[in-house]
Amino acid sequence: MTFWGSIEGAILSVAKLPFRINYMKEEKKPKLMRNMLTKESYKMATYEDATAEIIEHFGYDAFSQPKPVELIKTLLQSVTYAKKDALVLDFFAGSGTTAEAVMKLNLEDRGERSYILIQSNEEIKRGSSAYLNGYRTIYDIMRERVKLSHKKYRNGSFKELKIVTSE
């Protein structure tokens, strides 16, 4: 099935096989993206690189299998190319990679994207490195990474909102 959508004079289509997003400007040939975001074809970061990023922030492996900032940044850049003031929403924020990717991309292209991260208070396994360093939930790790990323990219401050249930 092919999906067609329009974004400010551009057309995006998703081809059947292999999966690929084609970006087309009005009345021009499609710009075909490579099919795989691999280290070889896009010099894309890996999980190992993402773990190194976490260690750089925290000083130890605080989160298992984080997404690489460069991967998320590339995906954000592909969908916010024409709208550098976009609002990015991440419902499963995990370690907060999306926030860091938005900050890095804004710094690189002078964008003004903002983000909203949502992360539940899922508990961390007892005995894990993060637990032994005082973190009790994934949300705690995400919040700390966002703070550290704001310092790293000199990105100002952020607001933290908590949902509280009434009993």
Foldseek 3Di string as FASTA:
>chain_A
DWDWDDDPQWIWIFDDPPTWIWIGHPPDDTDTDDSDPDCVPPVDDDQVVVQVVLCVLPVHRQAHRDDDLRVLLVVCCVVCVPPLQAEAEAQDCQQNSNLLSNLVNCLVPVGNYHYDYHHDFAFDDPPDPNVVVPDGGSVVNNVSVNVSSCVVSVPDDDDDDDDDDDD
